[in-house]
Amino acid sequence: MNDARMTIRLPGDTLLFAQRYAKKRQISLSELVVRYFNRLKETFSREDEVSASVSEVAGIIPSDIDVEQMYREHVAEKYL
């Protein structure tokens, strides 16, 4: 892998936090930035995927489920 240099400007308090965070975890600031960008890359690649819990909360129902049949079964169990 070819390493490249990058210069960034950060507010002083943000830099201080990042330095303390990296030191506490015994990694360099460069490694911290690499890990952060790798996490962003993973998130970006999964952007279109929806987790099961999000689907449930959002009310998304898989297309292979017969919703009307499920409702009929629910009503039959509830009232019969």
N, C-alpha and C. Protein backbone atom coordinates (compact mmCIF):
# COMPACT_ATOMS: atom_id res chain seq x y z
N MET A 1 0.84 -1.17 0.00
CA MET A 1 0.00 0.00 0.00
C MET A 1 0.89 1.24 0.00
N ASN A 2 0.61 2.17 -0.84
CA ASN A 2 1.35 3.43 -0.88
C ASN A 2 0.75 4.40 0.11
N ASP A 3 1.58 4.88 0.99
CA ASP A 3 1.11 5.88 1.95
C ASP A 3 1.15 7.26 1.30
N ALA A 4 0.23 8.10 1.68
CA ALA A 4 0.19 9.47 1.19
C ALA A 4 0.08 10.39 2.39
N ARG A 5 0.48 11.61 2.20
CA ARG A 5 0.42 12.59 3.28
C ARG A 5 -0.85 13.42 3.16
N MET A 6 -1.34 13.89 4.31
CA MET A 6 -2.51 14.73 4.33
C MET A 6 -2.34 15.75 5.45
N THR A 7 -2.69 16.96 5.19
CA THR A 7 -2.67 18.00 6.21
C THR A 7 -4.11 18.45 6.43
N ILE A 8 -4.52 18.46 7.70
CA ILE A 8 -5.88 18.91 8.01
C ILE A 8 -5.82 19.96 9.10
N ARG A 9 -6.81 20.81 9.11
CA ARG A 9 -6.94 21.82 10.16
C ARG A 9 -8.10 21.42 11.06
N LEU A 10 -7.84 21.44 12.34
CA LEU A 10 -8.85 21.07 13.33
C LEU A 10 -8.92 22.14 14.40
N PRO A 11 -10.09 22.32 14.98
CA PRO A 11 -10.16 23.19 16.16
C PRO A 11 -9.27 22.59 17.26
N GLY A 12 -8.67 23.45 18.06
CA GLY A 12 -7.75 22.99 19.09
C GLY A 12 -8.32 21.95 20.02
N ASP A 13 -9.57 22.15 20.45
CA ASP A 13 -10.17 21.20 21.38
C ASP A 13 -10.42 19.85 20.72
N THR A 14 -10.70 19.85 19.43
CA THR A 14 -10.91 18.59 18.71
C THR A 14 -9.59 17.83 18.58
N LEU A 15 -8.53 18.54 18.28
CA LEU A 15 -7.21 17.91 18.18
C LEU A 15 -6.78 17.34 19.52
N LEU A 16 -6.99 18.11 20.58
CA LEU A 16 -6.64 17.64 21.92
C LEU A 16 -7.40 16.37 22.27
N PHE A 17 -8.69 16.36 21.95
CA PHE A 17 -9.50 15.17 22.20
C PHE A 17 -8.96 13.98 21.42
N ALA A 18 -8.66 14.18 20.13
CA ALA A 18 -8.17 13.10 19.28
C ALA A 18 -6.84 12.57 19.80
N GLN A 19 -5.96 13.45 20.25
CA GLN A 19 -4.67 13.02 20.78
C GLN A 19 -4.86 12.18 22.05
N ARG A 20 -5.72 12.64 22.93
CA ARG A 20 -5.99 11.88 24.17
C ARG A 20 -6.64 10.53 23.86
N TYR A 21 -7.59 10.55 22.93
CA TYR A 21 -8.28 9.32 22.54
C TYR A 21 -7.29 8.30 22.00
N ALA A 22 -6.42 8.73 21.09
CA ALA A 22 -5.43 7.84 20.48
C ALA A 22 -4.44 7.33 21.52
N LYS A 23 -3.98 8.22 22.39
CA LYS A 23 -3.02 7.82 23.42
C LYS A 23 -3.62 6.78 24.36
N LYS A 24 -4.87 7.00 24.74
CA LYS A 24 -5.54 6.06 25.65
C LYS A 24 -5.66 4.67 25.03
N ARG A 25 -5.82 4.62 23.71
CA ARG A 25 -5.96 3.35 23.00
C ARG A 25 -4.63 2.86 22.42
N GLN A 26 -3.57 3.58 22.73
CA GLN A 26 -2.21 3.24 22.31
C GLN A 26 -2.08 3.08 20.80
N ILE A 27 -2.65 4.03 20.07
CA ILE A 27 -2.51 4.09 18.62
C ILE A 27 -2.09 5.50 18.22
N SER A 28 -1.58 5.64 17.02
CA SER A 28 -1.18 6.96 16.54
C SER A 28 -2.40 7.71 16.01
N LEU A 29 -2.24 9.01 15.87
CA LEU A 29 -3.31 9.80 15.26
C LEU A 29 -3.56 9.34 13.83
N SER A 30 -2.49 8.98 13.12
CA SER A 30 -2.65 8.48 11.75
C SER A 30 -3.51 7.22 11.73
N GLU A 31 -3.24 6.31 12.65
CA GLU A 31 -4.03 5.07 12.71
C GLU A 31 -5.49 5.38 13.06
N LEU A 32 -5.69 6.34 13.94
CA LEU A 32 -7.05 6.74 14.31
C LEU A 32 -7.81 7.24 13.09
N VAL A 33 -7.15 8.07 12.29
CA VAL A 33 -7.78 8.61 11.08
C VAL A 33 -8.04 7.49 10.07
N VAL A 34 -7.08 6.58 9.90
CA VAL A 34 -7.27 5.46 8.97
C VAL A 34 -8.48 4.62 9.39
N ARG A 35 -8.56 4.32 10.68
CA ARG A 35 -9.70 3.52 11.17
C ARG A 35 -11.02 4.24 10.93
N TYR A 36 -11.02 5.56 11.16
CA TYR A 36 -12.25 6.33 10.95
C TYR A 36 -12.67 6.30 9.48
N PHE A 37 -11.72 6.52 8.58
CA PHE A 37 -12.06 6.50 7.15
C PHE A 37 -12.48 5.11 6.69
N ASN A 38 -11.85 4.08 7.24
CA ASN A 38 -12.27 2.71 6.88
C ASN A 38 -13.70 2.45 7.35
N ARG A 39 -14.04 2.96 8.53
CA ARG A 39 -15.42 2.81 9.02
C ARG A 39 -16.39 3.55 8.11
N LEU A 40 -16.02 4.75 7.68
CA LEU A 40 -16.86 5.50 6.74
C LEU A 40 -17.04 4.73 5.44
N LYS A 41 -15.96 4.13 4.97
CA LYS A 41 -16.00 3.38 3.72
C LYS A 41 -16.97 2.19 3.85
N GLU A 42 -16.92 1.49 4.97
CA GLU A 42 -17.83 0.36 5.21
C GLU A 42 -19.28 0.84 5.24
N THR A 43 -19.52 1.93 5.94
CA THR A 43 -20.87 2.48 6.05
C THR A 43 -21.38 2.91 4.69
N PHE A 44 -20.54 3.56 3.93
CA PHE A 44 -20.92 4.03 2.61
C PHE A 44 -21.27 2.86 1.69
N SER A 45 -20.51 1.76 1.78
CA SER A 45 -20.77 0.62 0.90
C SER A 45 -22.06 -0.10 1.28
N ARG A 46 -22.48 0.02 2.55
CA ARG A 46 -23.72 -0.62 3.00
C ARG A 46 -24.88 0.35 3.04
N GLU A 47 -24.70 1.52 2.46
CA GLU A 47 -25.69 2.58 2.57
C GLU A 47 -27.08 2.15 2.10
N ASP A 48 -27.14 1.34 1.05
CA ASP A 48 -28.44 0.94 0.50
C ASP A 48 -29.04 -0.27 1.22
N GLU A 49 -28.24 -0.95 2.02
CA GLU A 49 -28.75 -2.10 2.75
C GLU A 49 -29.50 -1.62 3.99
N VAL A 50 -30.61 -2.27 4.27
CA VAL A 50 -31.41 -1.90 5.44
C VAL A 50 -31.37 -3.06 6.40
N SER A 51 -31.02 -2.80 7.65
CA SER A 51 -30.95 -3.87 8.64
C SER A 51 -32.35 -4.36 8.97
N ALA A 52 -32.42 -5.55 9.53
CA ALA A 52 -33.70 -6.15 9.88
C ALA A 52 -34.44 -5.31 10.91
N SER A 53 -33.73 -4.79 11.89
CA SER A 53 -34.39 -3.99 12.92
C SER A 53 -34.93 -2.68 12.35
N VAL A 54 -34.18 -2.06 11.43
CA VAL A 54 -34.66 -0.84 10.80
C VAL A 54 -35.87 -1.15 9.94
N SER A 55 -35.83 -2.25 9.21
CA SER A 55 -36.97 -2.65 8.38
C SER A 55 -38.22 -2.85 9.23
N GLU A 56 -38.04 -3.47 10.38
CA GLU A 56 -39.17 -3.72 11.27
C GLU A 56 -39.76 -2.41 11.77
N VAL A 57 -38.91 -1.52 12.20
CA VAL A 57 -39.36 -0.23 12.71
C VAL A 57 -40.02 0.59 11.60
N ALA A 58 -39.45 0.52 10.41
CA ALA A 58 -39.96 1.32 9.30
C ALA A 58 -41.22 0.71 8.69
N GLY A 59 -41.55 -0.52 9.06
CA GLY A 59 -42.73 -1.15 8.52
C GLY A 59 -42.52 -1.75 7.15
N ILE A 60 -41.29 -1.98 6.77
CA ILE A 60 -41.00 -2.59 5.46
C ILE A 60 -41.23 -4.08 5.57
N ILE A 61 -42.02 -4.60 4.66
CA ILE A 61 -42.35 -6.02 4.67
C ILE A 61 -41.73 -6.67 3.44
N PRO A 62 -41.01 -7.77 3.60
CA PRO A 62 -40.43 -8.45 2.45
C PRO A 62 -41.50 -8.83 1.43
N SER A 63 -41.13 -8.79 0.17
CA SER A 63 -42.11 -9.04 -0.90
C SER A 63 -42.59 -10.48 -0.95
N ASP A 64 -41.87 -11.42 -0.34
CA ASP A 64 -42.28 -12.82 -0.41
C ASP A 64 -43.31 -13.19 0.66
N ILE A 65 -43.76 -12.24 1.44
CA ILE A 65 -44.75 -12.51 2.49
C ILE A 65 -46.14 -12.09 2.00
N ASP A 66 -47.11 -12.98 2.19
CA ASP A 66 -48.50 -12.69 1.81
C ASP A 66 -49.15 -11.97 3.00
N VAL A 67 -49.19 -10.67 2.93
CA VAL A 67 -49.69 -9.85 4.02
C VAL A 67 -51.17 -10.11 4.27
N GLU A 68 -51.93 -10.25 3.21
CA GLU A 68 -53.37 -10.48 3.38
C GLU A 68 -53.62 -11.80 4.09
N GLN A 69 -52.87 -12.83 3.75
CA GLN A 69 -53.01 -14.13 4.41
C GLN A 69 -52.64 -14.01 5.89
N MET A 70 -51.58 -13.29 6.18
CA MET A 70 -51.19 -13.09 7.57
C MET A 70 -52.30 -12.38 8.35
N TYR A 71 -52.93 -11.39 7.73
CA TYR A 71 -54.00 -10.67 8.40
C TYR A 71 -55.19 -11.58 8.64
N ARG A 72 -55.55 -12.38 7.64
CA ARG A 72 -56.68 -13.31 7.81
C ARG A 72 -56.41 -14.28 8.94
N GLU A 73 -55.18 -14.78 9.04
CA GLU A 73 -54.83 -15.72 10.12
C GLU A 73 -54.90 -15.01 11.47
N HIS A 74 -54.44 -13.77 11.51
CA HIS A 74 -54.49 -13.00 12.74
C HIS A 74 -55.93 -12.80 13.21
N VAL A 75 -56.79 -12.40 12.28
CA VAL A 75 -58.20 -12.18 12.63
C VAL A 75 -58.86 -13.48 13.06
N ALA A 76 -58.56 -14.58 12.37
CA ALA A 76 -59.14 -15.89 12.72
C ALA A 76 -58.73 -16.29 14.14
N GLU A 77 -57.45 -16.09 14.48
CA GLU A 77 -56.98 -16.44 15.82
C GLU A 77 -57.60 -15.53 16.88
N LYS A 78 -57.77 -14.29 16.54
CA LYS A 78 -58.25 -13.33 17.52
C LYS A 78 -59.74 -13.48 17.80
N TYR A 79 -60.54 -13.73 16.77
CA TYR A 79 -61.99 -13.72 16.95
C TYR A 79 -62.66 -15.08 16.88
N LEU A 80 -61.94 -16.12 16.57
CA LEU A 80 -62.59 -17.44 16.49
C LEU A 80 -62.16 -18.37 17.59
